[in-house]
Amino acid sequence: MTAPTYLADSLLAQDGTNDLRRHTELYGARPPADESLVDAVVRSGLLGHGGAAFPTGAKMRSITGRKAVLVANAAEGEPLSRKDHLLLDRSVHLVLDGIAATASAIRARDCYLYAPPERVDAVRAAVDERRRTRWDRTDVQVIAAAPGFVSGEKSAVISAIEGGPALPRDKKAHASEAGVRGRPTLVLNVETLAHIALIERRGPQWFRSRGTASEPGTMLVTYSGAVRRPGVAEVPLGASIEEMLTHGAGVDLRSVRAVLLGGFHGTWVDRDALTGRTMSQESLADIGSRPGAGIVHVLGTGSCGLLATAEFVRCLANESAGQCGPCLNGLPRLADVFSRLSIGDDADGAITEIARYTRLVDGRGACHHPDGTARLIRSAMSVFAQDVHLHRLDTCEIHRGRIR
């Protein structure tokens, strides 16, 4: 049997990959449980794929004490991302292998998979099949994720598993110390767990055969916007963003005005600023951007950046938890004033108010939702500075054409 390269083979297959027999043909049997997996993940350099890119091995090592809990997060509230949905749809057994391996390594007594409602039945069926065929006996409780952008935030996930509302809450203690019902809890994105399943089989050096020295491995990216080939693809960390756009998304770079990296909580990057950049934290740091959860959303040259951003900011305001001042009051006001700017209504006044409200909400929320919104807005005001100027003069042909 020839092992597939990372995740690509199972994601491309559409002929029953979620069947356990087909999964075995692709990946082979799981090796015996081994607590040294934590050290292997540390040596692999695997970073989390939920957006923050925290070293996964360090998170695993932080879980100490008895009665640990493992949570696999597949909520994917980010509207522009499809990678976690695709993993559950095409390679759920790889995710479940990662859960089984990680649970054994950290001695987790309880495991949960927080999944979109439409995938719950299929995932439960896969768990049942594994137990029935004795592939593994890991008891995974599948919990339906609540809809909404913030429902996938770590403390919101923990609250939902405990039977409460899927809303972020003040974090007086780290989840690794007191998470689900006060027990040490490890929350990992499902893509991260799929990589752990492959590291368990192939080892850390195999994992490091792609990517960069500081950011090894691959990541799943979701292409959207003005692209010819929207969807999910696997790329090595450190891949050229220009090549990703041309060869992956099928984009003529001359038609690109800007790219939103990282999704609604990410940043706009001007096309020229992408020259020579790679999909890595190291390459993007000096322009204030990051790969995040792998969202690559393209804005075409015929589009107004302010109009596009106004739609995203309105969505973020509507998707907030609405339980603290910055979200309850600040984000709706930001959405209102940004909409005014996007249609050229008192643009000078809107610019002043945007700067004021962005400053007021940043860093003051119960979770990072206001911070992410502020980051998106600041990047838009910088990258689309020419649009701002045209809207002040009421000479932006794009927004004028839409209004009239």
Protein backbone atom coordinates (compact mmCIF):
# COMPACT_ATOMS: atom_id res chain seq x y z
CA MET A 1 0.00 0.00 0.00
CA THR A 2 1.28 3.48 -0.89
CA ALA A 3 0.41 6.04 1.76
CA PRO A 4 -1.36 9.16 0.53
CA THR A 5 0.33 12.51 0.76
CA TYR A 6 -1.06 14.33 3.77
CA LEU A 7 -4.81 14.95 3.43
CA ALA A 8 -5.17 15.39 -0.31
CA ASP A 9 -6.11 11.88 -1.41
CA SER A 10 -9.05 11.52 0.95
CA LEU A 11 -10.35 15.01 0.23
CA LEU A 12 -10.25 14.51 -3.52
CA ALA A 13 -11.97 11.14 -3.38
CA GLN A 14 -15.74 11.13 -3.74
CA ASP A 15 -16.38 7.39 -3.77
CA GLY A 16 -17.09 6.42 -0.19
CA THR A 17 -13.92 7.68 1.49
CA ASN A 18 -15.88 7.94 4.73
CA ASP A 19 -16.39 4.19 4.60
CA LEU A 20 -14.01 2.55 7.08
CA ARG A 21 -12.85 -0.01 4.51
CA ARG A 22 -11.86 2.71 2.05
CA HIS A 23 -10.19 4.66 4.83
CA THR A 24 -8.10 1.60 5.71
CA GLU A 25 -7.06 1.19 2.07
CA LEU A 26 -5.86 4.78 1.98
CA TYR A 27 -4.16 5.08 5.35
CA GLY A 28 -3.68 1.61 6.78
CA ALA A 29 -4.36 0.50 10.33
CA ARG A 30 -3.62 2.70 13.31
CA PRO A 31 -0.43 1.80 15.17
CA PRO A 32 -0.71 0.69 18.83
CA ALA A 33 -1.50 3.49 21.26
CA ASP A 34 1.65 5.21 22.46
CA GLU A 35 1.96 8.01 25.02
CA SER A 36 5.14 9.15 23.24
CA LEU A 37 2.82 10.66 20.62
CA VAL A 38 2.96 13.94 22.55
CA ASP A 39 6.73 14.09 22.04
CA ALA A 40 6.29 13.18 18.37
CA VAL A 41 3.84 16.04 17.87
CA VAL A 42 6.24 18.41 19.61
CA ARG A 43 9.09 17.31 17.30
CA SER A 44 6.85 17.61 14.25
CA GLY A 45 6.33 21.33 14.84
CA LEU A 46 2.60 20.98 14.10
CA LEU A 47 0.76 24.27 14.55
CA GLY A 48 -2.95 24.48 15.29
CA HIS A 49 -5.22 24.92 12.28
CA GLY A 50 -8.11 26.69 13.95
CA GLY A 51 -6.64 30.11 13.21
CA ALA A 52 -4.29 30.99 16.08
CA ALA A 53 -1.47 28.62 14.96
CA PHE A 54 -0.38 27.80 18.52
CA PRO A 55 2.10 24.88 18.78
CA THR A 56 -0.05 21.77 19.18
CA GLY A 57 2.53 19.78 21.12
CA ALA A 58 2.73 22.49 23.76
CA LYS A 59 -1.06 22.43 24.12
CA MET A 60 -0.99 18.65 24.56
CA ARG A 61 1.75 18.89 27.19
CA SER A 62 -0.25 21.48 29.13
CA ILE A 63 -2.94 18.91 29.94
CA THR A 64 -2.06 17.43 33.32
CA GLY A 65 -3.95 15.66 36.03
CA ARG A 66 -6.73 13.13 35.92
CA LYS A 67 -10.03 13.10 34.06
CA ALA A 68 -8.81 15.15 31.09
CA VAL A 69 -11.30 16.07 28.36
CA LEU A 70 -10.64 16.27 24.61
CA VAL A 71 -12.80 18.44 22.35
CA ALA A 72 -12.61 18.32 18.54
CA ASN A 73 -13.92 21.61 17.17
CA ALA A 74 -15.54 21.54 13.72
CA ALA A 75 -18.00 24.41 14.25
CA GLU A 76 -16.44 26.50 11.44
CA GLY A 77 -18.57 29.59 12.00
CA GLU A 78 -16.36 31.56 9.59
CA PRO A 79 -18.60 32.10 6.52
CA LEU A 80 -15.72 31.93 4.04
CA SER A 81 -14.25 28.64 5.26
CA ARG A 82 -15.25 25.14 4.10
CA LYS A 83 -12.26 23.04 5.12
CA ASP A 84 -13.68 21.52 8.32
CA HIS A 85 -16.98 20.68 6.62
CA LEU A 86 -15.04 18.94 3.85
CA LEU A 87 -12.94 16.96 6.32
CA LEU A 88 -16.04 15.61 8.06
CA ASP A 89 -17.67 14.91 4.71
CA ARG A 90 -14.71 13.20 3.02
CA SER A 91 -12.35 12.03 5.77
CA VAL A 92 -14.18 11.73 9.07
CA HIS A 93 -12.26 8.57 10.01
CA LEU A 94 -8.95 10.42 9.81
CA VAL A 95 -10.35 12.99 12.24
CA LEU A 96 -11.62 10.20 14.51
CA ASP A 97 -8.20 8.51 14.32
CA GLY A 98 -6.68 11.78 15.51
CA ILE A 99 -9.17 11.94 18.38
CA ALA A 100 -8.39 8.36 19.41
CA ALA A 101 -4.64 8.93 19.26
CA THR A 102 -4.74 12.22 21.15
CA ALA A 103 -7.15 10.93 23.78
CA SER A 104 -4.84 8.00 24.49
CA ALA A 105 -1.76 10.22 24.63
CA ILE A 106 -3.22 12.69 27.16
CA ARG A 107 -5.33 10.05 28.94
CA ALA A 108 -8.57 11.85 28.21
CA ARG A 109 -11.55 10.24 29.90
CA ASP A 110 -14.17 11.98 27.74
CA CYS A 111 -14.07 13.01 24.07
CA TYR A 112 -16.44 15.31 22.22
CA LEU A 113 -16.77 16.25 18.57
CA TYR A 114 -18.55 19.58 18.10
CA ALA A 115 -19.94 19.33 14.57
CA PRO A 116 -22.32 21.24 12.27
CA PRO A 117 -25.89 19.93 12.74
CA GLU A 118 -26.07 18.61 9.18
CA ARG A 119 -23.04 16.34 9.79
CA VAL A 120 -24.02 14.98 13.22
CA ASP A 121 -25.86 11.85 12.06
CA ALA A 122 -23.11 10.83 9.64
CA VAL A 123 -20.37 11.36 12.23
CA ARG A 124 -22.30 9.36 14.83
CA ALA A 125 -22.70 6.56 12.30
CA ALA A 126 -18.92 6.57 11.71
CA VAL A 127 -18.25 6.40 15.46
CA ASP A 128 -20.68 3.48 15.78
CA GLU A 129 -19.03 1.67 12.87
CA ARG A 130 -15.60 1.96 14.46
CA ARG A 131 -16.84 0.57 17.77
CA ARG A 132 -18.87 -2.20 16.12
CA THR A 133 -15.91 -3.37 14.00
CA ARG A 134 -13.47 -2.89 16.90
CA TRP A 135 -11.38 -0.46 14.85
CA ASP A 136 -11.15 1.48 18.10
CA ARG A 137 -13.31 1.75 21.19
CA THR A 138 -12.89 5.47 21.82
CA ASP A 139 -16.21 6.81 23.01
CA VAL A 140 -16.76 10.07 21.10
CA GLN A 141 -19.85 12.09 21.95
CA VAL A 142 -20.99 14.09 18.93
CA ILE A 143 -22.53 17.44 19.85
CA ALA A 144 -24.43 19.62 17.35
CA ALA A 145 -22.75 23.01 17.01
CA ALA A 146 -24.91 26.08 17.35
CA PRO A 147 -25.12 28.36 14.31
CA GLY A 148 -23.25 31.64 14.33
CA PHE A 149 -19.80 33.11 13.95
CA VAL A 150 -18.84 33.07 17.65
CA SER A 151 -20.26 29.62 18.45
CA GLY A 152 -16.92 28.04 17.56
CA GLU A 153 -14.93 30.20 19.99
CA LYS A 154 -13.28 27.91 22.54
CA SER A 155 -15.17 29.05 25.63
CA ALA A 156 -18.44 29.02 23.65
CA VAL A 157 -17.78 25.41 22.63
CA ILE A 158 -17.10 24.42 26.22
CA SER A 159 -20.29 26.14 27.36
CA ALA A 160 -22.33 24.30 24.72
CA ILE A 161 -20.84 20.92 25.71
CA GLU A 162 -21.83 21.63 29.30
CA GLY A 163 -25.41 22.21 28.14
CA GLY A 164 -25.33 26.00 28.21
CA PRO A 165 -25.60 28.56 25.41
CA ALA A 166 -22.87 28.52 22.76
CA LEU A 167 -21.64 31.96 23.75
CA PRO A 168 -18.15 33.14 24.72
CA ARG A 169 -17.67 33.70 28.42
CA ASP A 170 -15.11 35.41 30.60
CA LYS A 171 -12.11 33.16 30.90
CA LYS A 172 -10.83 33.30 34.49
CA ALA A 173 -8.80 30.13 33.98
CA HIS A 174 -7.27 28.44 30.95
CA ALA A 175 -9.19 25.51 29.50
CA SER A 176 -6.11 23.36 30.07
CA GLU A 177 -6.63 23.92 33.80
CA ALA A 178 -10.41 24.22 34.10
CA GLY A 179 -12.46 23.63 30.96
CA VAL A 180 -15.45 21.30 30.60
CA ARG A 181 -17.02 21.03 34.06
CA GLY A 182 -13.85 22.33 35.62
CA ARG A 183 -11.65 19.57 34.23
CA PRO A 184 -8.41 19.95 32.21
CA THR A 185 -9.59 20.31 28.61
CA LEU A 186 -7.77 20.23 25.30
CA VAL A 187 -9.65 21.87 22.40
CA LEU A 188 -8.25 21.19 18.93
CA ASN A 189 -9.53 21.98 15.46
CA VAL A 190 -10.46 18.90 13.42
CA GLU A 191 -7.82 19.63 10.78
CA THR A 192 -5.19 19.62 13.53
CA LEU A 193 -6.46 16.21 14.66
CA ALA A 194 -6.30 14.85 11.11
CA HIS A 195 -2.63 15.86 10.98
CA ILE A 196 -2.02 14.17 14.35
CA ALA A 197 -3.45 10.95 12.89
CA LEU A 198 -0.88 11.12 10.08
CA ILE A 199 1.99 11.98 12.43
CA GLU A 200 1.07 8.93 14.52
CA ARG A 201 1.41 6.76 11.39
CA ARG A 202 4.33 8.40 9.61
CA GLY A 203 6.30 10.23 12.28
CA PRO A 204 7.48 13.80 12.80
CA GLN A 205 10.25 13.77 10.19
CA TRP A 206 7.77 12.73 7.50
CA PHE A 207 5.52 15.60 8.54
CA ARG A 208 8.44 18.02 8.28
CA SER A 209 9.15 16.95 4.70
CA ARG A 210 6.85 19.74 3.53
CA GLY A 211 6.42 23.29 4.70
CA THR A 212 9.21 25.36 6.23
CA ALA A 213 11.58 24.77 9.12
CA SER A 214 9.60 27.04 11.44
CA GLU A 215 6.15 26.21 10.02
CA PRO A 216 6.22 22.61 8.80
CA GLY A 217 3.50 20.58 7.12
CA THR A 218 0.54 21.60 5.03
CA MET A 219 -2.71 23.48 5.51
CA LEU A 220 -6.13 23.43 3.93
CA VAL A 221 -7.11 26.70 2.27
CA THR A 222 -10.52 27.82 1.03
CA TYR A 223 -10.55 29.91 -2.16
CA SER A 224 -13.52 32.22 -2.76
CA GLY A 225 -14.49 35.51 -4.36
CA ALA A 226 -13.29 36.46 -7.84
CA VAL A 227 -11.71 33.07 -8.59
CA ARG A 228 -12.28 30.49 -11.32
CA ARG A 229 -11.76 27.51 -9.03
CA PRO A 230 -13.43 28.12 -5.66
CA GLY A 231 -13.17 25.44 -3.02
CA VAL A 232 -10.69 23.75 -0.69
CA ALA A 233 -7.11 22.81 -1.53
CA GLU A 234 -4.11 21.55 0.42
CA VAL A 235 -0.92 23.60 0.19
CA PRO A 236 2.45 23.41 1.96
CA LEU A 237 3.00 26.10 4.55
CA GLY A 238 5.36 28.57 2.94
CA ALA A 239 3.77 28.20 -0.50
CA SER A 240 3.93 31.24 -2.78
CA ILE A 241 0.62 33.11 -2.53
CA GLU A 242 0.93 34.26 -6.13
CA GLU A 243 1.30 30.66 -7.27
CA MET A 244 -1.61 29.61 -5.06
CA LEU A 245 -3.79 32.20 -6.79
CA THR A 246 -2.71 31.37 -10.33
CA HIS A 247 -2.35 27.58 -10.15
CA GLY A 248 -4.73 26.82 -7.30
CA ALA A 249 -7.57 29.31 -7.67
CA GLY A 250 -7.13 29.83 -11.42
CA VAL A 251 -6.77 33.60 -11.13
CA ASP A 252 -5.14 36.01 -13.55
CA LEU A 253 -3.15 38.21 -11.16
CA ARG A 254 -3.92 41.25 -13.30
CA SER A 255 -7.58 40.86 -12.32
CA VAL A 256 -6.82 40.90 -8.59
CA ARG A 257 -7.22 44.09 -6.61
CA ALA A 258 -6.74 42.73 -3.09
CA VAL A 259 -6.95 39.49 -1.15
CA LEU A 260 -8.58 38.92 2.22
CA LEU A 261 -6.39 36.53 4.19
CA GLY A 262 -7.72 34.82 7.31
CA GLY A 263 -11.42 35.49 6.79
CA PHE A 264 -13.73 38.02 8.43
CA HIS A 265 -11.28 38.42 11.32
CA GLY A 266 -8.38 38.64 8.92
CA THR A 267 -6.86 41.45 6.87
CA TRP A 268 -7.04 42.79 3.35
CA VAL A 269 -3.73 42.72 1.49
CA ASP A 270 -3.12 44.75 -1.65
CA ARG A 271 -2.12 42.74 -4.71
CA ASP A 272 1.28 44.41 -4.99
CA ALA A 273 2.02 43.65 -1.33
CA LEU A 274 1.61 39.93 -2.10
CA THR A 275 4.62 39.87 -4.40
CA GLY A 276 7.13 37.41 -2.99
CA ARG A 277 4.92 36.58 0.00
CA THR A 278 4.24 33.06 1.14
CA MET A 279 1.45 31.41 3.12
CA SER A 280 3.23 31.59 6.46
CA GLN A 281 3.16 33.68 9.60
CA GLU A 282 6.80 34.59 9.15
CA SER A 283 6.28 36.00 5.65
CA LEU A 284 3.09 37.93 6.41
CA ALA A 285 3.92 39.33 9.85
CA ASP A 286 5.51 42.57 8.71
CA ILE A 287 2.39 43.58 6.76
CA GLY A 288 0.16 42.79 9.73
CA SER A 289 -1.42 39.69 8.22
CA ARG A 290 -1.41 35.93 8.86
CA PRO A 291 -2.73 32.73 7.26
CA GLY A 292 -5.33 32.21 10.01
CA ALA A 293 -7.65 29.33 9.18
CA GLY A 294 -6.65 29.37 5.52
CA ILE A 295 -9.21 31.70 3.94
CA VAL A 296 -8.10 33.28 0.64
CA HIS A 297 -10.86 35.57 -0.64
CA VAL A 298 -10.11 37.50 -3.83
CA LEU A 299 -11.48 40.94 -4.64
CA GLY A 300 -11.45 41.73 -8.36
CA THR A 301 -10.22 44.95 -9.91
CA GLY A 302 -13.77 46.03 -10.76
CA SER A 303 -14.96 45.88 -7.14
CA CYS A 304 -15.10 48.54 -4.45
CA GLY A 305 -13.21 47.47 -1.34
CA LEU A 306 -15.38 49.57 0.95
CA LEU A 307 -18.62 48.06 -0.29
CA ALA A 308 -17.22 44.54 0.18
CA THR A 309 -15.96 45.33 3.66
CA ALA A 310 -19.23 46.97 4.68
CA GLU A 311 -21.04 43.68 4.00
CA PHE A 312 -18.54 41.78 6.15
CA VAL A 313 -18.72 44.27 9.02
CA ARG A 314 -22.52 44.13 9.01
CA CYS A 315 -22.33 40.34 9.17
CA LEU A 316 -19.89 40.51 12.10
CA ALA A 317 -22.17 42.93 13.96
CA ASN A 318 -25.15 40.63 13.44
CA GLU A 319 -23.16 37.56 14.47
CA SER A 320 -21.85 38.89 17.78
CA ALA A 321 -22.81 37.35 21.11
CA GLY A 322 -24.40 40.66 22.12
CA GLN A 323 -23.43 40.19 25.74
CA CYS A 324 -20.84 42.91 26.34
CA GLY A 325 -20.64 46.59 25.45
CA PRO A 326 -18.23 46.42 22.48
CA CYS A 327 -20.43 43.84 20.70
CA LEU A 328 -23.82 45.06 21.90
CA ASN A 329 -23.24 48.72 21.09
CA GLY A 330 -19.93 49.20 19.31
CA LEU A 331 -20.17 46.75 16.42
CA PRO A 332 -23.65 47.85 15.23
CA ARG A 333 -22.46 51.46 15.24
CA LEU A 334 -19.35 50.48 13.32
CA ALA A 335 -21.50 48.65 10.78
CA ASP A 336 -23.72 51.71 10.40
CA VAL A 337 -20.93 54.23 9.93
CA PHE A 338 -18.97 51.92 7.61
CA SER A 339 -22.10 51.50 5.49
CA ARG A 340 -22.37 55.29 5.32
CA LEU A 341 -18.80 55.54 4.11
CA SER A 342 -19.36 52.77 1.55
CA ILE A 343 -22.17 54.75 -0.09
CA GLY A 344 -20.52 58.16 0.32
CA ASP A 345 -23.01 59.46 2.90
CA ASP A 346 -21.19 62.13 4.96
CA ALA A 347 -17.90 60.35 4.28
CA ASP A 348 -15.77 62.75 6.33
CA GLY A 349 -17.95 62.30 9.40
CA ALA A 350 -18.03 58.53 8.87
CA ILE A 351 -14.24 58.35 8.68
CA THR A 352 -13.92 60.14 12.03
CA GLU A 353 -16.51 57.89 13.66
CA ILE A 354 -14.94 54.72 12.26
CA ALA A 355 -11.60 55.64 13.84
CA ARG A 356 -13.30 56.44 17.15
CA TYR A 357 -15.47 53.33 17.41
CA THR A 358 -12.68 51.03 16.23
CA ARG A 359 -10.46 52.37 18.99
CA LEU A 360 -13.23 51.97 21.59
CA VAL A 361 -14.07 48.32 20.84
CA ASP A 362 -10.55 47.02 20.34
CA GLY A 363 -9.31 44.88 23.23
CA ARG A 364 -12.37 45.43 25.41
CA GLY A 365 -14.64 42.51 24.61
CA ALA A 366 -15.29 39.34 26.60
CA CYS A 367 -13.84 37.50 23.60
CA HIS A 368 -11.78 38.50 20.55
CA HIS A 369 -14.74 39.16 18.25
CA PRO A 370 -14.49 42.98 18.53
CA ASP A 371 -10.71 42.79 18.06
CA GLY A 372 -11.05 40.79 14.84
CA THR A 373 -13.63 43.24 13.52
CA ALA A 374 -11.37 46.17 14.31
CA ARG A 375 -8.47 44.46 12.55
CA LEU A 376 -10.54 43.94 9.40
CA ILE A 377 -11.69 47.57 9.37
CA ARG A 378 -8.20 48.99 9.89
CA SER A 379 -6.83 46.91 7.03
CA ALA A 380 -9.65 48.07 4.75
CA MET A 381 -9.08 51.73 5.57
CA SER A 382 -5.40 51.30 4.71
CA VAL A 383 -5.55 49.05 1.65
CA PHE A 384 -8.55 50.87 0.16
CA ALA A 385 -7.35 54.38 0.97
CA GLN A 386 -7.99 55.40 -2.65
CA ASP A 387 -11.60 54.25 -2.33
CA VAL A 388 -11.93 56.31 0.84
CA HIS A 389 -10.69 59.36 -1.08
CA LEU A 390 -13.13 58.76 -3.95
CA HIS A 391 -16.05 58.29 -1.56
CA ARG A 392 -15.21 61.58 0.13
CA LEU A 393 -15.44 63.23 -3.27
CA ASP A 394 -18.51 61.16 -4.24
CA THR A 395 -16.69 60.05 -7.41
CA CYS A 396 -16.46 56.27 -6.89
CA GLU A 397 -18.15 54.96 -10.04
CA ILE A 398 -18.78 51.52 -8.55
CA HIS A 399 -20.87 52.62 -5.59
CA ARG A 400 -22.55 55.39 -7.60
CA GLY A 401 -23.59 52.83 -10.20
CA ARG A 402 -25.10 50.55 -7.56
CA ILE A 403 -27.06 53.31 -5.89
CA ARG A 404 -28.56 54.86 -8.99
